[in-house]
Amino acid sequence: MIDGQTFVPTEGNILTTLVPIETGNLVLIGTMTYEGLPMEDSSFVTYGQNVNFGAGVQTFDVSKRWLQRIVLGKAIYGSGPGYEITVEIVPPPVVIGSK
């Protein structure tokens, strides 16, 4: 991708998951891999039950990492803004009542 480029998957871009009852958190992980390169950039964001699991349109960033130099056999990496991921989260319906 180049700066300012937008990529929208044309199919298979809907994911359904169970409500995370045990932890009370929805964790989204964004990972960018590169064809022919061993590098991978990733980040995550967490939405709790107290914010309705992030209901609505949410945006999070994945930082870009790169090799700056090698000093005494040790790789030194730099990082900066890389990719912005936008998702729409539709929360489960809330049922109020008793059995």
PDB file of N, CA and C in Angstrom:
ATOM      1  N   MET A   1       0.837  -1.184   0.000  1.00  0.00           N
ATOM      2  CA  MET A   1       0.000   0.000   0.000  1.00  0.00           C
ATOM      3  C   MET A   1       0.877   1.240   0.000  1.00  0.00           C
ATOM      4  N   ILE A   2       0.349   2.302  -0.535  1.00  0.00           N
ATOM      5  CA  ILE A   2       1.047   3.580  -0.515  1.00  0.00           C
ATOM      6  C   ILE A   2       0.285   4.550   0.382  1.00  0.00           C
ATOM      7  N   ASP A   3       0.930   5.626   0.775  1.00  0.00           N
ATOM      8  CA  ASP A   3       0.324   6.606   1.662  1.00  0.00           C
ATOM      9  C   ASP A   3      -1.003   7.095   1.098  1.00  0.00           C
ATOM     10  N   GLY A   4      -2.046   7.052   1.924  1.00  0.00           N
ATOM     11  CA  GLY A   4      -3.362   7.519   1.518  1.00  0.00           C
ATOM     12  C   GLY A   4      -4.215   6.498   0.802  1.00  0.00           C
ATOM     13  N   GLN A   5      -3.675   5.333   0.482  1.00  0.00           N
ATOM     14  CA  GLN A   5      -4.428   4.309  -0.223  1.00  0.00           C
ATOM     15  C   GLN A   5      -5.426   3.652   0.722  1.00  0.00           C
ATOM     16  N   THR A   6      -6.604   3.334   0.204  1.00  0.00           N
ATOM     17  CA  THR A   6      -7.640   2.658   0.979  1.00  0.00           C
ATOM     18  C   THR A   6      -7.902   1.295   0.369  1.00  0.00           C
ATOM     19  N   PHE A   7      -8.022   0.280   1.209  1.00  0.00           N
ATOM     20  CA  PHE A   7      -8.336  -1.073   0.749  1.00  0.00           C
ATOM     21  C   PHE A   7      -9.598  -1.517   1.464  1.00  0.00           C
ATOM     22  N   VAL A   8     -10.604  -1.929   0.704  1.00  0.00           N
ATOM     23  CA  VAL A   8     -11.844  -2.438   1.268  1.00  0.00           C
ATOM     24  C   VAL A   8     -12.046  -3.850   0.726  1.00  0.00           C
ATOM     25  N   PRO A   9     -12.061  -4.853   1.601  1.00  0.00           N
ATOM     26  CA  PRO A   9     -12.294  -6.224   1.118  1.00  0.00           C
ATOM     27  C   PRO A   9     -13.646  -6.306   0.414  1.00  0.00           C
ATOM     28  N   THR A  10     -13.716  -7.015  -0.706  1.00  0.00           N
ATOM     29  CA  THR A  10     -14.960  -7.086  -1.463  1.00  0.00           C
ATOM     30  C   THR A  10     -15.869  -8.208  -1.004  1.00  0.00           C
ATOM     31  N   GLU A  11     -15.328  -9.195  -0.321  1.00  0.00           N
ATOM     32  CA  GLU A  11     -16.167 -10.274   0.192  1.00  0.00           C
ATOM     33  C   GLU A  11     -15.513 -10.877   1.422  1.00  0.00           C
ATOM     34  N   GLY A  12     -16.306 -11.511   2.221  1.00  0.00           N
ATOM     35  CA  GLY A  12     -15.778 -12.151   3.421  1.00  0.00           C
ATOM     36  C   GLY A  12     -15.316 -11.162   4.480  1.00  0.00           C
ATOM     37  N   ASN A  13     -15.892  -9.973   4.481  1.00  0.00           N
ATOM     38  CA  ASN A  13     -15.443  -8.973   5.436  1.00  0.00           C
ATOM     39  C   ASN A  13     -16.384  -8.817   6.626  1.00  0.00           C
ATOM     40  N   ILE A  14     -17.196  -9.849   6.886  1.00  0.00           N
ATOM     41  CA  ILE A  14     -18.075  -9.851   8.058  1.00  0.00           C
ATOM     42  C   ILE A  14     -17.649 -10.998   8.961  1.00  0.00           C
ATOM     43  N   LEU A  15     -17.486 -10.680  10.229  1.00  0.00           N
ATOM     44  CA  LEU A  15     -17.091 -11.680  11.209  1.00  0.00           C
ATOM     45  C   LEU A  15     -18.112 -11.676  12.335  1.00  0.00           C
ATOM     46  N   THR A  16     -18.535 -12.849  12.738  1.00  0.00           N
ATOM     47  CA  THR A  16     -19.457 -12.985  13.855  1.00  0.00           C
ATOM     48  C   THR A  16     -18.746 -13.762  14.952  1.00  0.00           C
ATOM     49  N   THR A  17     -18.877 -13.276  16.175  1.00  0.00           N
ATOM     50  CA  THR A  17     -18.236 -13.949  17.300  1.00  0.00           C
ATOM     51  C   THR A  17     -19.199 -13.979  18.487  1.00  0.00           C
ATOM     52  N   LEU A  18     -18.951 -14.873  19.405  1.00  0.00           N
ATOM     53  CA  LEU A  18     -19.772 -14.954  20.612  1.00  0.00           C
ATOM     54  C   LEU A  18     -19.460 -13.782  21.531  1.00  0.00           C
ATOM     55  N   VAL A  19     -20.408 -13.424  22.359  1.00  0.00           N
ATOM     56  CA  VAL A  19     -20.172 -12.378  23.351  1.00  0.00           C
ATOM     57  C   VAL A  19     -19.131 -12.902  24.336  1.00  0.00           C
ATOM     58  N   PRO A  20     -18.060 -12.147  24.562  1.00  0.00           N
ATOM     59  CA  PRO A  20     -16.976 -12.608  25.460  1.00  0.00           C
ATOM     60  C   PRO A  20     -17.375 -12.492  26.932  1.00  0.00           C
ATOM     61  N   ILE A  21     -18.174 -13.443  27.402  1.00  0.00           N
ATOM     62  CA  ILE A  21     -18.709 -13.391  28.768  1.00  0.00           C
ATOM     63  C   ILE A  21     -17.614 -13.581  29.822  1.00  0.00           C
ATOM     64  N   GLU A  22     -16.677 -14.497  29.584  1.00  0.00           N
ATOM     65  CA  GLU A  22     -15.666 -14.798  30.608  1.00  0.00           C
ATOM     66  C   GLU A  22     -14.779 -13.611  30.939  1.00  0.00           C
ATOM     67  N   THR A  23     -14.279 -12.909  29.912  1.00  0.00           N
ATOM     68  CA  THR A  23     -13.381 -11.781  30.165  1.00  0.00           C
ATOM     69  C   THR A  23     -14.112 -10.448  30.194  1.00  0.00           C
ATOM     70  N   GLY A  24     -15.270 -10.388  29.550  1.00  0.00           N
ATOM     71  CA  GLY A  24     -15.997  -9.137  29.466  1.00  0.00           C
ATOM     72  C   GLY A  24     -15.386  -8.155  28.491  1.00  0.00           C
ATOM     73  N   ASN A  25     -14.426  -8.606  27.663  1.00  0.00           N
ATOM     74  CA  ASN A  25     -13.741  -7.732  26.712  1.00  0.00           C
ATOM     75  C   ASN A  25     -13.759  -8.327  25.313  1.00  0.00           C
ATOM     76  N   LEU A  26     -13.951  -7.456  24.328  1.00  0.00           N
ATOM     77  CA  LEU A  26     -13.793  -7.822  22.929  1.00  0.00           C
ATOM     78  C   LEU A  26     -12.431  -7.295  22.503  1.00  0.00           C
ATOM     79  N   VAL A  27     -11.560  -8.162  22.018  1.00  0.00           N
ATOM     80  CA  VAL A  27     -10.213  -7.768  21.605  1.00  0.00           C
ATOM     81  C   VAL A  27     -10.112  -7.933  20.094  1.00  0.00           C
ATOM     82  N   LEU A  28      -9.798  -6.836  19.403  1.00  0.00           N
ATOM     83  CA  LEU A  28      -9.579  -6.874  17.962  1.00  0.00           C
ATOM     84  C   LEU A  28      -8.082  -6.775  17.707  1.00  0.00           C
ATOM     85  N   ILE A  29      -7.577  -7.643  16.828  1.00  0.00           N
ATOM     86  CA  ILE A  29      -6.154  -7.654  16.502  1.00  0.00           C
ATOM     87  C   ILE A  29      -6.003  -7.343  15.020  1.00  0.00           C
ATOM     88  N   GLY A  30      -5.208  -6.344  14.713  1.00  0.00           N
ATOM     89  CA  GLY A  30      -4.906  -5.999  13.326  1.00  0.00           C
ATOM     90  C   GLY A  30      -3.480  -6.394  13.017  1.00  0.00           C
ATOM     91  N   THR A  31      -3.282  -7.183  11.972  1.00  0.00           N
ATOM     92  CA  THR A  31      -1.949  -7.646  11.589  1.00  0.00           C
ATOM     93  C   THR A  31      -1.730  -7.428  10.100  1.00  0.00           C
ATOM     94  N   MET A  32      -0.593  -6.828   9.770  1.00  0.00           N
ATOM     95  CA  MET A  32      -0.208  -6.623   8.373  1.00  0.00           C
ATOM     96  C   MET A  32       1.012  -7.492   8.094  1.00  0.00           C
ATOM     97  N   THR A  33       0.917  -8.334   7.068  1.00  0.00           N
ATOM     98  CA  THR A  33       2.051  -9.147   6.649  1.00  0.00           C
ATOM     99  C   THR A  33       2.468  -8.700   5.253  1.00  0.00           C
ATOM    100  N   TYR A  34       3.677  -9.024   4.873  1.00  0.00           N
ATOM    101  CA  TYR A  34       4.238  -8.549   3.620  1.00  0.00           C
ATOM    102  C   TYR A  34       4.728  -9.730   2.800  1.00  0.00           C
ATOM    103  N   GLU A  35       4.257  -9.802   1.566  1.00  0.00           N
ATOM    104  CA  GLU A  35       4.646 -10.895   0.683  1.00  0.00           C
ATOM    105  C   GLU A  35       6.150 -10.874   0.452  1.00  0.00           C
ATOM    106  N   GLY A  36       6.795 -11.999   0.743  1.00  0.00           N
ATOM    107  CA  GLY A  36       8.223 -12.138   0.513  1.00  0.00           C
ATOM    108  C   GLY A  36       9.107 -11.556   1.599  1.00  0.00           C
ATOM    109  N   LEU A  37       8.514 -11.000   2.653  1.00  0.00           N
ATOM    110  CA  LEU A  37       9.296 -10.414   3.741  1.00  0.00           C
ATOM    111  C   LEU A  37       8.913 -11.062   5.074  1.00  0.00           C
ATOM    112  N   PRO A  38       9.885 -11.204   5.968  1.00  0.00           N
ATOM    113  CA  PRO A  38       9.578 -11.828   7.262  1.00  0.00           C
ATOM    114  C   PRO A  38       8.950 -10.858   8.260  1.00  0.00           C
ATOM    115  N   MET A  39       8.774  -9.592   7.882  1.00  0.00           N
ATOM    116  CA  MET A  39       8.236  -8.591   8.808  1.00  0.00           C
ATOM    117  C   MET A  39       6.728  -8.750   8.971  1.00  0.00           C
ATOM    118  N   GLU A  40       6.245  -8.310  10.127  1.00  0.00           N
ATOM    119  CA  GLU A  40       4.819  -8.310  10.425  1.00  0.00           C
ATOM    120  C   GLU A  40       4.556  -7.145  11.367  1.00  0.00           C
ATOM    121  N   ASP A  41       3.550  -6.357  11.080  1.00  0.00           N
ATOM    122  CA  ASP A  41       3.155  -5.259  11.954  1.00  0.00           C
ATOM    123  C   ASP A  41       1.808  -5.613  12.562  1.00  0.00           C
ATOM    124  N   SER A  42       1.670  -5.414  13.866  1.00  0.00           N
ATOM    125  CA  SER A  42       0.395  -5.749  14.493  1.00  0.00           C
ATOM    126  C   SER A  42       0.116  -4.832  15.674  1.00  0.00           C
ATOM    127  N   SER A  43      -1.154  -4.781  16.018  1.00  0.00           N
ATOM    128  CA  SER A  43      -1.617  -3.975  17.138  1.00  0.00           C
ATOM    129  C   SER A  43      -2.953  -4.554  17.590  1.00  0.00           C
ATOM    130  N   PHE A  44      -3.407  -4.129  18.742  1.00  0.00           N
ATOM    131  CA  PHE A  44      -4.711  -4.594  19.206  1.00  0.00           C
ATOM    132  C   PHE A  44      -5.425  -3.469  19.938  1.00  0.00           C
ATOM    133  N   VAL A  45      -6.728  -3.637  20.054  1.00  0.00           N
ATOM    134  CA  VAL A  45      -7.562  -2.696  20.798  1.00  0.00           C
ATOM    135  C   VAL A  45      -8.586  -3.523  21.571  1.00  0.00           C
ATOM    136  N   THR A  46      -8.950  -3.051  22.751  1.00  0.00           N
ATOM    137  CA  THR A  46      -9.874  -3.773  23.617  1.00  0.00           C
ATOM    138  C   THR A  46     -11.095  -2.913  23.911  1.00  0.00           C
ATOM    139  N   TYR A  47     -12.268  -3.513  23.779  1.00  0.00           N
ATOM    140  CA  TYR A  47     -13.518  -2.841  24.117  1.00  0.00           C
ATOM    141  C   TYR A  47     -14.237  -3.664  25.186  1.00  0.00           C
ATOM    142  N   GLY A  48     -14.598  -3.024  26.266  1.00  0.00           N
ATOM    143  CA  GLY A  48     -15.247  -3.724  27.370  1.00  0.00           C
ATOM    144  C   GLY A  48     -16.759  -3.698  27.282  1.00  0.00           C
ATOM    145  N   GLN A  49     -17.343  -4.499  28.123  1.00  0.00           N
ATOM    146  CA  GLN A  49     -18.800  -4.578  28.197  1.00  0.00           C
ATOM    147  C   GLN A  49     -19.383  -3.231  28.629  1.00  0.00           C
ATOM    148  N   ASN A  50     -18.633  -2.478  29.437  1.00  0.00           N
ATOM    149  CA  ASN A  50     -19.112  -1.187  29.922  1.00  0.00           C
ATOM    150  C   ASN A  50     -19.273  -0.152  28.808  1.00  0.00           C
ATOM    151  N   VAL A  51     -18.645  -0.365  27.645  1.00  0.00           N
ATOM    152  CA  VAL A  51     -18.818   0.521  26.481  1.00  0.00           C
ATOM    153  C   VAL A  51     -19.519  -0.227  25.348  1.00  0.00           C
ATOM    154  N   ASN A  52     -20.335  -1.224  25.734  1.00  0.00           N
ATOM    155  CA  ASN A  52     -21.129  -2.013  24.790  1.00  0.00           C
ATOM    156  C   ASN A  52     -20.254  -2.640  23.705  1.00  0.00           C
ATOM    157  N   PHE A  53     -19.076  -3.099  24.118  1.00  0.00           N
ATOM    158  CA  PHE A  53     -18.120  -3.787  23.242  1.00  0.00           C
ATOM    159  C   PHE A  53     -17.715  -2.935  22.041  1.00  0.00           C
ATOM    160  N   GLY A  54     -17.710  -1.615  22.197  1.00  0.00           N
ATOM    161  CA  GLY A  54     -17.268  -0.724  21.132  1.00  0.00           C
ATOM    162  C   GLY A  54     -18.298  -0.506  20.043  1.00  0.00           C
ATOM    163  N   ALA A  55     -19.578  -0.635  20.370  1.00  0.00           N
ATOM    164  CA  ALA A  55     -20.653  -0.516  19.379  1.00  0.00           C
ATOM    165  C   ALA A  55     -20.478   0.730  18.524  1.00  0.00           C
ATOM    166  N   GLY A  56     -20.644   0.555  17.214  1.00  0.00           N
ATOM    167  CA  GLY A  56     -20.539   1.664  16.268  1.00  0.00           C
ATOM    168  C   GLY A  56     -19.291   1.529  15.414  1.00  0.00           C
ATOM    169  N   VAL A  57     -18.924   2.601  14.751  1.00  0.00           N
ATOM    170  CA  VAL A  57     -17.739   2.611  13.895  1.00  0.00           C
ATOM    171  C   VAL A  57     -16.527   2.965  14.754  1.00  0.00           C
ATOM    172  N   GLN A  58     -15.521   2.121  14.699  1.00  0.00           N
ATOM    173  CA  GLN A  58     -14.296   2.305  15.496  1.00  0.00           C
ATOM    174  C   GLN A  58     -13.085   2.293  14.563  1.00  0.00           C
ATOM    175  N   THR A  59     -12.085   3.062  14.924  1.00  0.00           N
ATOM    176  CA  THR A  59     -10.845   3.109  14.156  1.00  0.00           C
ATOM    177  C   THR A  59      -9.675   2.862  15.094  1.00  0.00           C
ATOM    178  N   PHE A  60      -8.740   2.007  14.681  1.00  0.00           N
ATOM    179  CA  PHE A  60      -7.507   1.841  15.448  1.00  0.00           C
ATOM    180  C   PHE A  60      -6.319   1.756  14.501  1.00  0.00           C
ATOM    181  N   ASP A  61      -5.166   2.072  15.039  1.00  0.00           N
ATOM    182  CA  ASP A  61      -3.945   2.160  14.230  1.00  0.00           C
ATOM    183  C   ASP A  61      -3.019   0.978  14.469  1.00  0.00           C
ATOM    184  N   VAL A  62      -2.370   0.567  13.388  1.00  0.00           N
ATOM    185  CA  VAL A  62      -1.317  -0.441  13.450  1.00  0.00           C
ATOM    186  C   VAL A  62      -0.023   0.279  13.084  1.00  0.00           C
ATOM    187  N   SER A  63       0.920   0.330  14.006  1.00  0.00           N
ATOM    188  CA  SER A  63       2.198   0.996  13.750  1.00  0.00           C
ATOM    189  C   SER A  63       3.034   0.208  12.754  1.00  0.00           C
ATOM    190  N   LYS A  64       3.812   0.917  11.970  1.00  0.00           N
ATOM    191  CA  LYS A  64       4.740   0.306  11.009  1.00  0.00           C
ATOM    192  C   LYS A  64       6.112   0.228  11.657  1.00  0.00           C
ATOM    193  N   ARG A  65       6.739  -0.949  11.602  1.00  0.00           N
ATOM    194  CA  ARG A  65       8.096  -1.133  12.130  1.00  0.00           C
ATOM    195  C   ARG A  65       9.058  -1.341  10.976  1.00  0.00           C
ATOM    196  N   TRP A  66      10.279  -0.855  11.138  1.00  0.00           N
ATOM    197  CA  TRP A  66      11.298  -1.067  10.106  1.00  0.00           C
ATOM    198  C   TRP A  66      12.670  -1.165  10.759  1.00  0.00           C
ATOM    199  N   LEU A  67      13.551  -1.855  10.077  1.00  0.00           N
ATOM    200  CA  LEU A  67      14.924  -2.018  10.543  1.00  0.00           C
ATOM    201  C   LEU A  67      15.689  -0.740  10.241  1.00  0.00           C
ATOM    202  N   GLN A  68      16.226  -0.093  11.286  1.00  0.00           N
ATOM    203  CA  GLN A  68      16.995   1.132  11.087  1.00  0.00           C
ATOM    204  C   GLN A  68      18.460   0.824  10.841  1.00  0.00           C
ATOM    205  N   ARG A  69      19.005  -0.042  11.690  1.00  0.00           N
ATOM    206  CA  ARG A  69      20.416  -0.403  11.545  1.00  0.00           C
ATOM    207  C   ARG A  69      20.719  -1.588  12.456  1.00  0.00           C
ATOM    208  N   ILE A  70      21.905  -2.119  12.298  1.00  0.00           N
ATOM    209  CA  ILE A  70      22.382  -3.200  13.168  1.00  0.00           C
ATOM    210  C   ILE A  70      23.607  -2.675  13.903  1.00  0.00           C
ATOM    211  N   VAL A  71      23.548  -2.740  15.230  1.00  0.00           N
ATOM    212  CA  VAL A  71      24.644  -2.255  16.067  1.00  0.00           C
ATOM    213  C   VAL A  71      25.163  -3.426  16.893  1.00  0.00           C
ATOM    214  N   LEU A  72      26.446  -3.746  16.726  1.00  0.00           N
ATOM    215  CA  LEU A  72      27.074  -4.859  17.445  1.00  0.00           C
ATOM    216  C   LEU A  72      26.252  -6.140  17.341  1.00  0.00           C
ATOM    217  N   GLY A  73      25.750  -6.412  16.146  1.00  0.00           N
ATOM    218  CA  GLY A  73      24.994  -7.630  15.898  1.00  0.00           C
ATOM    219  C   GLY A  73      23.550  -7.593  16.378  1.00  0.00           C
ATOM    220  N   LYS A  74      23.107  -6.453  16.900  1.00  0.00           N
ATOM    221  CA  LYS A  74      21.736  -6.344  17.388  1.00  0.00           C
ATOM    222  C   LYS A  74      20.930  -5.422  16.470  1.00  0.00           C
ATOM    223  N   ALA A  75      19.739  -5.897  16.068  1.00  0.00           N
ATOM    224  CA  ALA A  75      18.882  -5.110  15.187  1.00  0.00           C
ATOM    225  C   ALA A  75      18.208  -3.990  15.971  1.00  0.00           C
ATOM    226  N   ILE A  76      18.243  -2.790  15.425  1.00  0.00           N
ATOM    227  CA  ILE A  76      17.586  -1.627  16.016  1.00  0.00           C
ATOM    228  C   ILE A  76      16.422  -1.251  15.082  1.00  0.00           C
ATOM    229  N   TYR A  77      15.215  -1.271  15.629  1.00  0.00           N
ATOM    230  CA  TYR A  77      14.027  -0.992  14.840  1.00  0.00           C
ATOM    231  C   TYR A  77      13.457   0.373  15.161  1.00  0.00           C
ATOM    232  N   GLY A  78      12.835   0.988  14.169  1.00  0.00           N
ATOM    233  CA  GLY A  78      12.088   2.224  14.346  1.00  0.00           C
ATOM    234  C   GLY A  78      10.620   1.916  14.139  1.00  0.00           C
ATOM    235  N   SER A  79       9.761   2.796  14.592  1.00  0.00           N
ATOM    236  CA  SER A  79       8.330   2.599  14.358  1.00  0.00           C
ATOM    237  C   SER A  79       7.642   3.948  14.230  1.00  0.00           C
ATOM    238  N   GLY A  80       6.503   3.933  13.584  1.00  0.00           N
ATOM    239  CA  GLY A  80       5.740   5.146  13.388  1.00  0.00           C
ATOM    240  C   GLY A  80       4.362   4.806  12.863  1.00  0.00           C
ATOM    241  N   PRO A  81       3.563   5.828  12.583  1.00  0.00           N
ATOM    242  CA  PRO A  81       2.215   5.580  12.069  1.00  0.00           C
ATOM    243  C   PRO A  81       2.269   4.720  10.817  1.00  0.00           C
ATOM    244  N   GLY A  82       1.361   3.765  10.726  1.00  0.00           N
ATOM    245  CA  GLY A  82       1.385   2.863   9.584  1.00  0.00           C
ATOM    246  C   GLY A  82       0.041   2.717   8.915  1.00  0.00           C
ATOM    247  N   TYR A  83      -0.851   1.981   9.542  1.00  0.00           N
ATOM    248  CA  TYR A  83      -2.123   1.636   8.928  1.00  0.00           C
ATOM    249  C   TYR A  83      -3.259   1.987   9.876  1.00  0.00           C
ATOM    250  N   GLU A  84      -4.362   2.419   9.301  1.00  0.00           N
ATOM    251  CA  GLU A  84      -5.548   2.723  10.077  1.00  0.00           C
ATOM    252  C   GLU A  84      -6.625   1.723   9.670  1.00  0.00           C
ATOM    253  N   ILE A  85      -7.196   1.045  10.646  1.00  0.00           N
ATOM    254  CA  ILE A  85      -8.231   0.046  10.383  1.00  0.00           C
ATOM    255  C   ILE A  85      -9.547   0.575  10.938  1.00  0.00           C
ATOM    256  N   THR A  86     -10.576   0.562  10.097  1.00  0.00           N
ATOM    257  CA  THR A  86     -11.900   1.010  10.516  1.00  0.00           C
ATOM    258  C   THR A  86     -12.846  -0.186  10.472  1.00  0.00           C
ATOM    259  N   VAL A  87     -13.568  -0.405  11.542  1.00  0.00           N
ATOM    260  CA  VAL A  87     -14.528  -1.501  11.631  1.00  0.00           C
ATOM    261  C   VAL A  87     -15.850  -0.971  12.167  1.00  0.00           C
ATOM    262  N   GLU A  88     -16.911  -1.686  11.859  1.00  0.00           N
ATOM    263  CA  GLU A  88     -18.208  -1.374  12.452  1.00  0.00           C
ATOM    264  C   GLU A  88     -18.583  -2.531  13.354  1.00  0.00           C
ATOM    265  N   ILE A  89     -18.840  -2.225  14.618  1.00  0.00           N
ATOM    266  CA  ILE A  89     -19.167  -3.247  15.597  1.00  0.00           C
ATOM    267  C   ILE A  89     -20.659  -3.166  15.905  1.00  0.00           C
ATOM    268  N   VAL A  90     -21.340  -4.284  15.704  1.00  0.00           N
ATOM    269  CA  VAL A  90     -22.765  -4.365  16.018  1.00  0.00           C
ATOM    270  C   VAL A  90     -22.885  -5.240  17.262  1.00  0.00           C
ATOM    271  N   PRO A  91     -23.292  -4.644  18.387  1.00  0.00           N
ATOM    272  CA  PRO A  91     -23.357  -5.398  19.637  1.00  0.00           C
ATOM    273  C   PRO A  91     -24.557  -6.335  19.658  1.00  0.00           C
ATOM    274  N   PRO A  92     -24.534  -7.290  20.571  1.00  0.00           N
ATOM    275  CA  PRO A  92     -25.676  -8.201  20.685  1.00  0.00           C
ATOM    276  C   PRO A  92     -26.873  -7.453  21.257  1.00  0.00           C
ATOM    277  N   PRO A  93     -28.072  -7.933  20.975  1.00  0.00           N
ATOM    278  CA  PRO A  93     -29.264  -7.296  21.561  1.00  0.00           C
ATOM    279  C   PRO A  93     -29.280  -7.515  23.068  1.00  0.00           C
ATOM    280  N   VAL A  94     -29.756  -6.539  23.781  1.00  0.00           N
ATOM    281  CA  VAL A  94     -29.841  -6.637  25.231  1.00  0.00           C
ATOM    282  C   VAL A  94     -31.228  -7.136  25.610  1.00  0.00           C
ATOM    283  N   VAL A  95     -31.273  -8.185  26.430  1.00  0.00           N
ATOM    284  CA  VAL A  95     -32.536  -8.737  26.882  1.00  0.00           C
ATOM    285  C   VAL A  95     -32.671  -8.428  28.362  1.00  0.00           C
ATOM    286  N   ILE A  96     -33.734  -7.725  28.711  1.00  0.00           N
ATOM    287  CA  ILE A  96     -33.982  -7.395  30.115  1.00  0.00           C
ATOM    288  C   ILE A  96     -35.233  -8.144  30.553  1.00  0.00           C
ATOM    289  N   GLY A  97     -35.121  -8.834  31.632  1.00  0.00           N
ATOM    290  CA  GLY A  97     -36.264  -9.591  32.127  1.00  0.00           C
ATOM    291  C   GLY A  97     -35.801 -10.740  32.995  1.00  0.00           C
ATOM    292  N   SER A  98     -36.713 -11.535  33.424  1.00  0.00           N
ATOM    293  CA  SER A  98     -36.365 -12.694  34.250  1.00  0.00           C
ATOM    294  C   SER A  98     -37.099 -13.913  33.734  1.00  0.00           C
ATOM    295  N   LYS A  99     -36.621 -15.055  34.156  1.00  0.00           N
ATOM    296  CA  LYS A  99     -37.227 -16.329  33.726  1.00  0.00           C
ATOM    297  C   LYS A  99     -38.386 -16.674  34.609  1.00  0.00           C
TER     298      LYS A  99
END
